[in-house]
């Protein structure tokens, strides 16, 4: 005769990372900085983000952190979209460096995109 025992299975609440879904240029594409129109933007969302939680963006050009010019949130009823844009400094020292943007949710999961810089 068999005896079956059932133990509760712990529920693992796995945090999904935020995802970029729109950006100025494809990941890895060269960004030419000419000092005229050097703005860059990304958009991200996170399906398991809490109602009061936000996504944070960190921009880096070579060794320098770049402050966003503007960041905002839009809500279409189903998903909140987070936007961030920067102005890339026209600096000859950035030629050959990498521009990167990392988006992080409040639980620490992240997504990252990078672009090589070419200063004209």
N, C-alpha and C. Protein backbone atom coordinates (compact mmCIF):
# COMPACT_ATOMS: atom_id res chain seq x y z
N UNK A 1 0.84 -1.17 0.00
CA UNK A 1 0.00 0.00 0.00
C UNK A 1 0.90 1.24 0.00
N UNK A 2 0.55 2.20 -0.83
CA UNK A 2 1.35 3.42 -0.96
C UNK A 2 0.74 4.55 -0.16
N UNK A 3 1.60 5.39 0.33
CA UNK A 3 1.15 6.56 1.09
C UNK A 3 1.72 7.79 0.40
N UNK A 4 0.86 8.71 0.05
CA UNK A 4 1.30 9.91 -0.62
C UNK A 4 1.35 11.07 0.37
N UNK A 5 2.42 11.80 0.32
CA UNK A 5 2.55 12.98 1.16
C UNK A 5 2.75 14.19 0.25
N UNK A 6 2.10 15.26 0.59
CA UNK A 6 2.21 16.47 -0.21
C UNK A 6 2.78 17.60 0.64
N UNK A 7 3.84 18.18 0.16
CA UNK A 7 4.45 19.33 0.82
C UNK A 7 4.19 20.56 -0.05
N UNK A 8 3.95 21.65 0.58
CA UNK A 8 3.73 22.85 -0.23
C UNK A 8 5.00 23.22 -1.00
N UNK A 9 4.80 23.58 -2.25
CA UNK A 9 5.92 24.01 -3.08
C UNK A 9 6.09 25.51 -2.90
N UNK A 10 7.29 25.94 -2.56
CA UNK A 10 7.46 27.39 -2.38
C UNK A 10 7.29 28.11 -3.70
N UNK A 11 6.63 29.24 -3.65
CA UNK A 11 6.43 30.07 -4.83
C UNK A 11 7.63 30.99 -4.99
N UNK A 12 8.27 30.89 -6.12
CA UNK A 12 9.42 31.75 -6.40
C UNK A 12 8.95 32.93 -7.25
N UNK A 13 8.98 34.09 -6.67
CA UNK A 13 8.58 35.30 -7.38
C UNK A 13 9.80 35.81 -8.13
N UNK A 14 9.97 35.35 -9.36
CA UNK A 14 11.14 35.71 -10.14
C UNK A 14 10.94 37.06 -10.80
N UNK A 15 11.85 37.97 -10.56
CA UNK A 15 11.77 39.32 -11.10
C UNK A 15 12.18 39.31 -12.57
N UNK A 16 11.30 39.82 -13.40
CA UNK A 16 11.63 39.98 -14.82
C UNK A 16 12.42 41.27 -15.01
N UNK A 17 13.41 41.22 -15.85
CA UNK A 17 14.21 42.42 -16.13
C UNK A 17 13.42 43.38 -17.01
N UNK A 18 13.66 44.69 -16.85
CA UNK A 18 13.05 45.64 -17.78
C UNK A 18 13.63 45.43 -19.17
N UNK A 19 12.90 45.85 -20.18
CA UNK A 19 13.35 45.67 -21.55
C UNK A 19 13.27 46.98 -22.33
N UNK A 20 14.34 47.25 -23.08
CA UNK A 20 14.28 48.36 -24.03
C UNK A 20 13.37 47.92 -25.17
N UNK A 21 12.56 48.84 -25.68
CA UNK A 21 11.73 48.46 -26.82
C UNK A 21 11.80 49.49 -27.94
N UNK A 22 12.43 50.64 -27.70
CA UNK A 22 12.63 51.63 -28.75
C UNK A 22 13.86 52.45 -28.40
N UNK A 23 14.64 52.84 -29.41
CA UNK A 23 15.88 53.58 -29.16
C UNK A 23 16.29 54.33 -30.42
N UNK A 24 17.23 55.25 -30.28
CA UNK A 24 17.66 56.08 -31.41
C UNK A 24 18.36 55.28 -32.50
N UNK A 25 19.23 54.38 -32.09
CA UNK A 25 19.98 53.56 -33.06
C UNK A 25 20.07 52.13 -32.54
N UNK A 26 20.27 51.19 -33.45
CA UNK A 26 20.37 49.78 -33.06
C UNK A 26 21.57 49.56 -32.16
N UNK A 27 21.43 48.60 -31.27
CA UNK A 27 22.51 48.21 -30.35
C UNK A 27 23.75 47.89 -31.17
N UNK A 28 24.86 48.52 -30.84
CA UNK A 28 26.13 48.24 -31.52
C UNK A 28 26.39 49.12 -32.74
N UNK A 29 25.39 49.88 -33.21
CA UNK A 29 25.59 50.76 -34.37
C UNK A 29 26.43 51.96 -33.95
N UNK A 30 27.30 52.41 -34.84
CA UNK A 30 28.18 53.55 -34.54
C UNK A 30 27.36 54.83 -34.46
N UNK A 31 27.61 55.62 -33.42
CA UNK A 31 26.95 56.91 -33.23
C UNK A 31 27.96 57.99 -33.58
N UNK A 32 27.67 58.76 -34.63
CA UNK A 32 28.54 59.87 -35.04
C UNK A 32 28.12 61.12 -34.30
N UNK A 33 29.06 61.72 -33.57
CA UNK A 33 28.80 62.92 -32.80
C UNK A 33 29.39 64.09 -33.58
N UNK A 34 28.50 64.97 -34.08
CA UNK A 34 29.00 66.09 -34.88
C UNK A 34 28.72 67.45 -34.24
N UNK A 35 28.14 67.46 -33.05
CA UNK A 35 27.90 68.71 -32.34
C UNK A 35 26.65 69.44 -32.78
N UNK A 36 25.90 68.86 -33.72
CA UNK A 36 24.71 69.54 -34.22
C UNK A 36 23.43 68.91 -33.67
N UNK A 37 23.27 67.64 -33.88
CA UNK A 37 22.03 66.97 -33.51
C UNK A 37 22.35 65.74 -32.67
N UNK A 38 23.03 65.93 -31.57
CA UNK A 38 23.55 64.80 -30.81
C UNK A 38 22.66 64.40 -29.64
N UNK A 39 21.37 64.29 -29.90
CA UNK A 39 20.47 63.79 -28.85
C UNK A 39 20.22 62.32 -29.10
N UNK A 40 19.97 61.61 -28.03
CA UNK A 40 19.82 60.16 -28.10
C UNK A 40 18.72 59.78 -27.13
N UNK A 41 17.84 58.84 -27.50
CA UNK A 41 16.77 58.46 -26.59
C UNK A 41 16.61 56.95 -26.52
N UNK A 42 16.02 56.49 -25.42
CA UNK A 42 15.61 55.09 -25.27
C UNK A 42 14.25 55.08 -24.58
N UNK A 43 13.53 53.99 -24.79
CA UNK A 43 12.26 53.74 -24.12
C UNK A 43 12.31 52.32 -23.56
N UNK A 44 11.77 52.14 -22.37
CA UNK A 44 11.79 50.82 -21.74
C UNK A 44 10.48 50.58 -20.99
N UNK A 45 10.20 49.31 -20.74
CA UNK A 45 9.05 48.94 -19.91
C UNK A 45 9.42 47.70 -19.11
N UNK A 46 8.58 47.40 -18.12
CA UNK A 46 8.81 46.24 -17.27
C UNK A 46 7.44 45.70 -16.86
N UNK A 47 7.11 44.51 -17.34
CA UNK A 47 5.78 43.95 -17.13
C UNK A 47 5.45 43.65 -15.68
N UNK A 48 6.46 43.38 -14.85
CA UNK A 48 6.16 43.04 -13.46
C UNK A 48 6.50 44.16 -12.48
N UNK A 49 6.52 45.37 -12.97
CA UNK A 49 6.82 46.53 -12.14
C UNK A 49 5.59 46.88 -11.30
N UNK A 50 5.81 47.13 -10.02
CA UNK A 50 4.72 47.54 -9.14
C UNK A 50 4.19 48.91 -9.50
N UNK A 51 2.98 49.21 -9.03
CA UNK A 51 2.31 50.45 -9.39
C UNK A 51 3.10 51.70 -9.01
N UNK A 52 3.79 51.67 -7.88
CA UNK A 52 4.54 52.84 -7.43
C UNK A 52 6.03 52.76 -7.76
N UNK A 53 6.44 51.71 -8.46
CA UNK A 53 7.86 51.54 -8.78
C UNK A 53 8.19 52.25 -10.09
N UNK A 54 9.45 52.58 -10.23
CA UNK A 54 9.92 53.25 -11.45
C UNK A 54 11.14 52.53 -12.00
N UNK A 55 11.48 52.84 -13.22
CA UNK A 55 12.73 52.38 -13.83
C UNK A 55 13.72 53.53 -13.78
N UNK A 56 14.99 53.19 -13.58
CA UNK A 56 16.02 54.22 -13.56
C UNK A 56 17.01 53.96 -14.69
N UNK A 57 17.41 55.04 -15.34
CA UNK A 57 18.35 54.98 -16.46
C UNK A 57 19.69 55.54 -16.03
N UNK A 58 20.76 54.89 -16.44
CA UNK A 58 22.11 55.41 -16.24
C UNK A 58 22.78 55.46 -17.61
N UNK A 59 23.22 56.65 -18.00
CA UNK A 59 23.91 56.86 -19.27
C UNK A 59 25.39 57.07 -19.00
N UNK A 60 26.22 56.49 -19.86
CA UNK A 60 27.65 56.67 -19.73
C UNK A 60 28.26 56.82 -21.12
N UNK A 61 29.11 57.84 -21.28
CA UNK A 61 29.86 58.06 -22.52
C UNK A 61 31.33 57.94 -22.16
N UNK A 62 31.94 56.81 -22.57
CA UNK A 62 33.31 56.55 -22.15
C UNK A 62 33.35 56.48 -20.63
N UNK A 63 34.27 57.19 -19.99
CA UNK A 63 34.37 57.14 -18.53
C UNK A 63 33.42 58.11 -17.82
N UNK A 64 32.62 58.88 -18.58
CA UNK A 64 31.80 59.94 -17.99
C UNK A 64 30.33 59.54 -17.88
N UNK A 65 29.73 59.82 -16.74
CA UNK A 65 28.28 59.69 -16.62
C UNK A 65 27.64 60.91 -17.27
N UNK A 66 26.54 60.69 -17.98
CA UNK A 66 25.85 61.77 -18.67
C UNK A 66 24.46 61.91 -18.06
N UNK A 67 24.16 63.11 -17.57
CA UNK A 67 22.83 63.36 -16.99
C UNK A 67 21.79 63.43 -18.10
N UNK A 68 20.65 62.80 -17.88
CA UNK A 68 19.58 62.89 -18.89
C UNK A 68 19.07 64.32 -19.02
N UNK A 69 18.72 64.70 -20.24
CA UNK A 69 18.08 65.99 -20.46
C UNK A 69 16.64 65.95 -19.97
N UNK A 70 16.02 64.80 -20.18
CA UNK A 70 14.61 64.68 -19.83
C UNK A 70 14.28 63.20 -19.62
N UNK A 71 13.41 62.93 -18.65
CA UNK A 71 12.89 61.59 -18.43
C UNK A 71 11.41 61.73 -18.09
N UNK A 72 10.60 60.83 -18.58
CA UNK A 72 9.18 60.87 -18.29
C UNK A 72 8.57 59.49 -18.42
N UNK A 73 7.31 59.39 -17.96
CA UNK A 73 6.58 58.12 -17.96
C UNK A 73 5.28 58.34 -18.71
N UNK A 74 4.88 57.36 -19.50
CA UNK A 74 3.60 57.39 -20.21
C UNK A 74 2.88 56.09 -19.89
N UNK A 75 1.58 56.15 -19.83
CA UNK A 75 0.77 54.98 -19.46
C UNK A 75 -0.33 54.83 -20.49
N UNK A 76 -0.39 53.66 -21.15
CA UNK A 76 -1.45 53.44 -22.13
C UNK A 76 -2.61 52.62 -21.54
N UNK A 77 -2.61 52.45 -20.23
CA UNK A 77 -3.66 51.67 -19.58
C UNK A 77 -3.21 50.27 -19.23
N UNK A 78 -2.39 49.66 -20.08
CA UNK A 78 -1.88 48.31 -19.83
C UNK A 78 -0.43 48.32 -19.38
N UNK A 79 0.36 49.20 -19.96
CA UNK A 79 1.80 49.22 -19.72
C UNK A 79 2.26 50.65 -19.46
N UNK A 80 3.20 50.79 -18.53
CA UNK A 80 3.86 52.08 -18.34
C UNK A 80 5.16 52.07 -19.13
N UNK A 81 5.38 53.12 -19.88
CA UNK A 81 6.59 53.26 -20.69
C UNK A 81 7.45 54.36 -20.08
N UNK A 82 8.73 54.06 -19.93
CA UNK A 82 9.68 55.01 -19.36
C UNK A 82 10.60 55.48 -20.47
N UNK A 83 10.79 56.80 -20.56
CA UNK A 83 11.59 57.42 -21.61
C UNK A 83 12.76 58.16 -20.98
N UNK A 84 13.88 58.17 -21.67
CA UNK A 84 15.03 58.95 -21.22
C UNK A 84 15.79 59.41 -22.46
N UNK A 85 16.21 60.68 -22.46
CA UNK A 85 17.06 61.14 -23.55
C UNK A 85 18.19 61.99 -23.02
N UNK A 86 19.26 62.01 -23.79
CA UNK A 86 20.46 62.76 -23.41
C UNK A 86 20.95 63.57 -24.60
N UNK A 87 21.83 64.50 -24.29
CA UNK A 87 22.60 65.18 -25.32
C UNK A 87 24.04 64.70 -25.16
N UNK A 88 24.58 64.12 -26.20
CA UNK A 88 25.94 63.59 -26.14
C UNK A 88 26.91 64.76 -26.28
N UNK A 89 27.83 64.91 -25.34
CA UNK A 89 28.77 66.03 -25.44
C UNK A 89 29.69 65.88 -26.65
N UNK A 90 29.92 67.00 -27.35
CA UNK A 90 30.85 66.99 -28.49
C UNK A 90 32.25 67.20 -27.93
N UNK A 91 32.93 66.08 -27.69
CA UNK A 91 34.23 66.10 -27.03
C UNK A 91 35.15 65.12 -27.77
N UNK A 92 36.26 65.62 -28.30
CA UNK A 92 37.18 64.77 -29.07
C UNK A 92 37.69 63.58 -28.26
N UNK A 93 37.74 63.70 -26.94
CA UNK A 93 38.20 62.59 -26.10
C UNK A 93 37.26 61.40 -26.13
N UNK A 94 36.02 61.61 -26.59
CA UNK A 94 35.05 60.51 -26.64
C UNK A 94 35.17 59.68 -27.92
N UNK A 95 35.98 60.14 -28.88
CA UNK A 95 36.14 59.40 -30.12
C UNK A 95 36.70 58.00 -29.82
N UNK A 96 36.02 56.98 -30.27
CA UNK A 96 36.44 55.59 -30.03
C UNK A 96 35.91 55.01 -28.72
N UNK A 97 35.27 55.83 -27.89
CA UNK A 97 34.68 55.34 -26.64
C UNK A 97 33.31 54.72 -26.92
N UNK A 98 32.63 54.31 -25.87
CA UNK A 98 31.33 53.65 -26.00
C UNK A 98 30.29 54.44 -25.22
N UNK A 99 29.13 54.66 -25.85
CA UNK A 99 27.96 55.21 -25.17
C UNK A 99 27.12 54.03 -24.71
N UNK A 100 26.70 54.04 -23.46
CA UNK A 100 25.86 52.94 -22.97
C UNK A 100 24.72 53.49 -22.12
N UNK A 101 23.63 52.74 -22.11
CA UNK A 101 22.50 53.07 -21.26
C UNK A 101 22.07 51.79 -20.57
N UNK A 102 21.92 51.87 -19.25
CA UNK A 102 21.45 50.75 -18.46
C UNK A 102 20.14 51.17 -17.81
N UNK A 103 19.13 50.31 -17.91
CA UNK A 103 17.85 50.56 -17.24
C UNK A 103 17.70 49.51 -16.16
N UNK A 104 17.33 49.95 -14.95
CA UNK A 104 17.27 49.06 -13.78
C UNK A 104 15.91 49.22 -13.10
N UNK A 105 15.31 48.07 -12.71
CA UNK A 105 14.09 48.18 -11.91
C UNK A 105 14.45 48.20 -10.43
N UNK A 106 13.46 48.38 -9.57
CA UNK A 106 13.74 48.56 -8.15
C UNK A 106 14.24 47.29 -7.47
N UNK A 107 14.07 46.13 -8.13
CA UNK A 107 14.57 44.88 -7.56
C UNK A 107 15.98 44.57 -8.04
N UNK A 108 16.54 45.42 -8.92
CA UNK A 108 17.92 45.25 -9.36
C UNK A 108 18.11 44.56 -10.68
N UNK A 109 17.03 44.11 -11.33
CA UNK A 109 17.17 43.49 -12.66
C UNK A 109 17.42 44.60 -13.68
N UNK A 110 18.22 44.31 -14.72
CA UNK A 110 18.57 45.37 -15.65
C UNK A 110 18.66 44.89 -17.09
N UNK A 111 18.71 45.85 -17.98
CA UNK A 111 18.94 45.64 -19.40
C UNK A 111 19.92 46.75 -19.82
N UNK A 112 20.74 46.47 -20.83
CA UNK A 112 21.75 47.44 -21.23
C UNK A 112 21.93 47.42 -22.74
N UNK A 113 22.18 48.61 -23.29
CA UNK A 113 22.51 48.76 -24.70
C UNK A 113 23.75 49.62 -24.81
N UNK A 114 24.55 49.39 -25.87
CA UNK A 114 25.80 50.15 -26.05
C UNK A 114 26.00 50.48 -27.52
N UNK A 115 26.66 51.62 -27.74
CA UNK A 115 26.95 52.09 -29.09
C UNK A 115 28.36 52.68 -29.12
N UNK A 116 29.20 52.31 -30.11
CA UNK A 116 30.51 52.95 -30.25
C UNK A 116 30.33 54.41 -30.70
N UNK A 117 31.17 55.28 -30.18
CA UNK A 117 31.11 56.71 -30.52
C UNK A 117 32.19 57.08 -31.51
N UNK A 118 31.81 57.93 -32.45
CA UNK A 118 32.74 58.49 -33.42
C UNK A 118 32.53 60.00 -33.40
N UNK A 119 33.53 60.75 -32.97
CA UNK A 119 33.41 62.19 -32.89
C UNK A 119 33.98 62.79 -34.17
N UNK A 120 33.12 63.57 -34.86
CA UNK A 120 33.53 64.18 -36.13
C UNK A 120 34.06 65.58 -35.91
